[in-house]
Amino acid sequence: MKLIMASSNKNKIQEIALMLKGYEILSLQDIGFNSDIEENGKTFKDNALIKAKTIYDIYHIPVIADDSGLCVEALGMEPGVYSHRYAGPMQDDSMNNALLVKNLQGVSNRNAFYECAICYYDGAPMFFEGRVYGSIVDDPKGNNGFGYDPHFFITSLGKTMAEITIEEKNKISHRSIAVKKLGDYLNELSNNIR
């Protein structure tokens, strides 16, 4: 089965493709889509739906789209839907991380979670969500992952998300939890078609 992943983020596509074996995952580059999709939703689910519906309405192939980010308790759940552009629209991971650490200076509550909302769209939306809990550390550790991973400490593992392998991450991450739910749904869907 072919699925379009409404993303240009190679890391996300690789993570999801590894978890959804047996499906042909096409990226936005694969289908020649180069336009920006304005993600102006107020929640992760809103943004996932905006992306999925936009691509489905053009190509009429089932689409999966995710929106995910970091939510920090002491910052009123920021950066939230602005995780990718926390330090501004033209910034990168290092600038977003620097702003996060700066905004948490002197704050003792470092509780945080990564949240992922995946929308599967084939004319109607289905949503799958996942969360992983941890805390924010000032000093980055690890070279794996992307985004806030070097600062996201997973207490149960005693490591940051950037210190674990992609295989380990794909067992516990917010995205893996949501993708597993999606995979179960797709398997059920294909069993009902047979």
Protein backbone atom coordinates (compact mmCIF):
# COMPACT_ATOMS: atom_id res chain seq x y z
CA MET A 1 0.00 0.00 0.00
CA LYS A 2 1.26 3.47 -0.90
CA LEU A 3 1.06 6.23 1.68
CA ILE A 4 2.18 9.83 1.32
CA MET A 5 3.97 11.21 4.36
CA ALA A 6 3.13 14.91 4.39
CA SER A 7 6.63 15.94 5.45
CA SER A 8 9.97 17.01 4.09
CA ASN A 9 11.73 16.11 7.35
CA LYS A 10 14.00 13.19 6.44
CA ASN A 11 14.44 12.19 10.10
CA LYS A 12 10.68 11.88 10.65
CA ILE A 13 10.18 9.99 7.39
CA GLN A 14 13.00 7.57 8.24
CA GLU A 15 11.59 6.95 11.73
CA ILE A 16 8.09 6.29 10.42
CA ALA A 17 9.24 4.15 7.46
CA LEU A 18 11.22 1.93 9.84
CA MET A 19 8.12 1.42 11.98
CA LEU A 20 5.62 0.91 9.14
CA LYS A 21 7.23 -1.98 7.33
CA GLY A 22 5.30 -3.28 4.34
CA TYR A 23 4.08 0.16 3.28
CA GLU A 24 5.60 2.32 0.57
CA ILE A 25 6.08 5.73 2.18
CA LEU A 26 6.36 8.60 -0.29
CA SER A 27 7.76 11.92 0.89
CA LEU A 28 6.65 15.32 -0.38
CA GLN A 29 9.80 15.38 -2.53
CA ASP A 30 8.90 11.98 -4.00
CA ILE A 31 5.58 13.36 -5.25
CA GLY A 32 7.04 16.69 -6.39
CA PHE A 33 5.23 18.82 -3.80
CA ASN A 34 7.38 21.86 -3.00
CA SER A 35 4.90 24.40 -1.63
CA ASP A 36 4.66 25.43 2.01
CA ILE A 37 1.62 24.33 3.96
CA GLU A 38 0.67 26.91 6.56
CA GLU A 39 0.39 25.17 9.92
CA ASN A 40 -1.84 27.61 11.75
CA GLY A 41 -3.70 25.18 14.00
CA LYS A 42 -3.90 25.61 17.75
CA THR A 43 -3.14 21.95 18.51
CA PHE A 44 -0.92 19.18 17.14
CA LYS A 45 -4.06 17.44 15.81
CA ASP A 46 -5.15 20.62 14.00
CA ASN A 47 -1.80 20.95 12.23
CA ALA A 48 -1.64 17.25 11.32
CA LEU A 49 -5.11 17.48 9.76
CA ILE A 50 -4.24 20.64 7.81
CA LYS A 51 -1.21 18.93 6.24
CA ALA A 52 -2.94 15.61 5.55
CA LYS A 53 -6.06 17.11 3.98
CA THR A 54 -4.05 19.55 1.84
CA ILE A 55 -2.01 16.73 0.28
CA TYR A 56 -4.93 14.30 -0.04
CA ASP A 57 -7.08 16.90 -1.83
CA ILE A 58 -4.37 17.24 -4.50
CA TYR A 59 -3.16 13.63 -4.95
CA HIS A 60 -6.08 11.45 -3.74
CA ILE A 61 -3.69 8.92 -2.19
CA PRO A 62 -3.96 8.09 1.54
CA VAL A 63 -1.85 10.52 3.55
CA ILE A 64 -0.23 10.39 6.96
CA ALA A 65 0.80 13.63 8.57
CA ASP A 66 2.17 14.23 12.01
CA ASP A 67 2.66 17.24 14.13
CA SER A 68 4.66 16.89 17.24
CA GLY A 69 6.60 18.90 19.70
CA LEU A 70 7.83 19.49 23.19
CA CYS A 71 5.56 20.66 26.00
CA VAL A 72 7.19 21.99 29.19
CA GLU A 73 5.01 22.32 32.31
CA ALA A 74 6.77 25.37 33.77
CA LEU A 75 6.47 27.23 30.46
CA GLY A 76 2.70 26.77 30.19
CA MET A 77 3.22 23.83 27.78
CA GLU A 78 5.45 25.86 25.46
CA PRO A 79 6.97 25.53 22.96
CA GLY A 80 4.08 23.20 21.97
CA VAL A 81 2.90 23.67 18.39
CA TYR A 82 5.69 26.25 17.96
CA SER A 83 8.45 23.73 18.80
CA HIS A 84 10.00 23.85 15.33
CA ARG A 85 10.01 27.66 15.22
CA TYR A 86 10.33 28.45 18.93
CA ALA A 87 13.23 30.87 18.41
CA GLY A 88 11.66 32.32 15.25
CA PRO A 89 10.72 31.12 11.76
CA MET A 90 14.26 31.08 10.35
CA GLN A 91 15.98 29.48 13.34
CA ASP A 92 17.45 26.00 13.81
CA ASP A 93 17.53 23.31 16.51
CA SER A 94 20.50 24.85 18.34
CA MET A 95 18.77 28.24 18.62
CA ASN A 96 15.50 26.63 19.76
CA ASN A 97 17.40 24.65 22.40
CA ALA A 98 19.30 27.72 23.57
CA LEU A 99 16.05 29.65 24.04
CA LEU A 100 14.48 26.71 25.91
CA VAL A 101 17.38 26.48 28.35
CA LYS A 102 17.40 30.28 28.82
CA ASN A 103 13.66 30.34 29.55
CA LEU A 104 14.13 27.62 32.20
CA GLN A 105 16.97 29.36 34.06
CA GLY A 106 16.19 29.32 37.79
CA VAL A 107 13.15 27.08 37.28
CA SER A 108 13.13 23.89 39.35
CA ASN A 109 10.17 22.20 37.65
CA ARG A 110 11.70 20.68 34.52
CA ASN A 111 8.86 18.22 33.77
CA ALA A 112 8.13 17.91 30.07
CA PHE A 113 6.70 15.60 27.47
CA TYR A 114 6.97 15.08 23.77
CA GLU A 115 3.58 14.76 22.09
CA CYS A 116 2.80 13.43 18.64
CA ALA A 117 -0.50 13.55 16.77
CA ILE A 118 -0.72 11.60 13.53
CA CYS A 119 -3.58 12.10 11.11
CA TYR A 120 -4.35 9.36 8.59
CA TYR A 121 -6.50 10.86 5.86
CA ASP A 122 -8.20 9.04 3.00
CA GLY A 123 -11.22 11.31 2.64
CA ALA A 124 -11.90 11.41 6.39
CA PRO A 125 -9.46 11.87 9.28
CA MET A 126 -8.38 9.31 11.86
CA PHE A 127 -6.06 10.45 14.69
CA PHE A 128 -3.42 8.56 16.64
CA GLU A 129 -1.56 10.15 19.54
CA GLY A 130 1.45 9.37 21.66
CA ARG A 131 3.39 10.94 24.52
CA VAL A 132 6.69 10.27 26.23
CA TYR A 133 7.50 11.93 29.55
CA GLY A 134 10.81 13.24 30.81
CA SER A 135 12.52 16.41 31.99
CA ILE A 136 14.69 19.13 30.52
CA VAL A 137 18.41 19.26 31.30
CA ASP A 138 20.57 22.35 30.71
CA ASP A 139 23.58 20.58 29.24
CA PRO A 140 23.00 18.73 25.97
CA LYS A 141 24.03 15.09 25.86
CA GLY A 142 24.19 12.72 22.89
CA ASN A 143 24.51 13.01 19.13
CA ASN A 144 21.50 11.03 17.94
CA GLY A 145 18.03 12.31 17.17
CA PHE A 146 17.10 15.88 16.37
CA GLY A 147 15.20 18.82 17.79
CA TYR A 148 15.20 18.96 21.58
CA ASP A 149 16.47 15.37 21.98
CA PRO A 150 19.85 16.35 23.55
CA HIS A 151 18.00 18.20 26.35
CA PHE A 152 15.13 15.72 26.87
CA PHE A 153 16.11 13.40 29.72
CA ILE A 154 14.23 10.11 30.09
CA THR A 155 14.36 9.23 33.77
CA SER A 156 13.58 5.53 33.31
CA LEU A 157 16.59 5.15 30.98
CA GLY A 158 18.90 7.62 32.71
CA LYS A 159 19.72 9.12 29.29
CA THR A 160 18.62 11.90 27.00
CA MET A 161 16.69 11.05 23.85
CA ALA A 162 19.86 11.92 21.88
CA GLU A 163 21.90 9.31 23.78
CA ILE A 164 19.82 6.36 22.62
CA THR A 165 19.91 4.66 19.23
CA ILE A 166 17.17 5.13 16.64
CA GLU A 167 16.13 1.53 17.31
CA GLU A 168 15.74 2.27 21.04
CA LYS A 169 13.95 5.53 20.27
CA ASN A 170 11.53 3.73 17.95
CA LYS A 171 10.46 1.54 20.88
CA ILE A 172 9.63 4.33 23.35
CA SER A 173 9.14 7.66 21.58
CA HIS A 174 5.94 9.68 21.31
CA ARG A 175 6.02 9.13 17.55
CA SER A 176 6.50 5.37 17.91
CA ILE A 177 3.50 5.15 20.24
CA ALA A 178 1.32 7.03 17.73
CA VAL A 179 2.71 5.10 14.74
CA LYS A 180 2.06 1.76 16.47
CA LYS A 181 -1.59 2.77 16.88
CA LEU A 182 -1.65 3.84 13.20
CA GLY A 183 -0.05 0.54 12.15
CA ASP A 184 -2.66 -1.45 14.08
CA TYR A 185 -5.40 0.56 12.36
CA LEU A 186 -3.88 0.07 8.88
CA ASN A 187 -3.52 -3.67 9.46
CA GLU A 188 -7.15 -3.87 10.57
CA LEU A 189 -8.17 -1.81 7.52
CA SER A 190 -6.29 -4.08 5.10
CA ASN A 191 -7.73 -7.22 6.77
CA ASN A 192 -11.24 -5.84 6.28
CA ILE A 193 -10.55 -5.14 2.58
CA ARG A 194 -9.50 -8.76 1.90
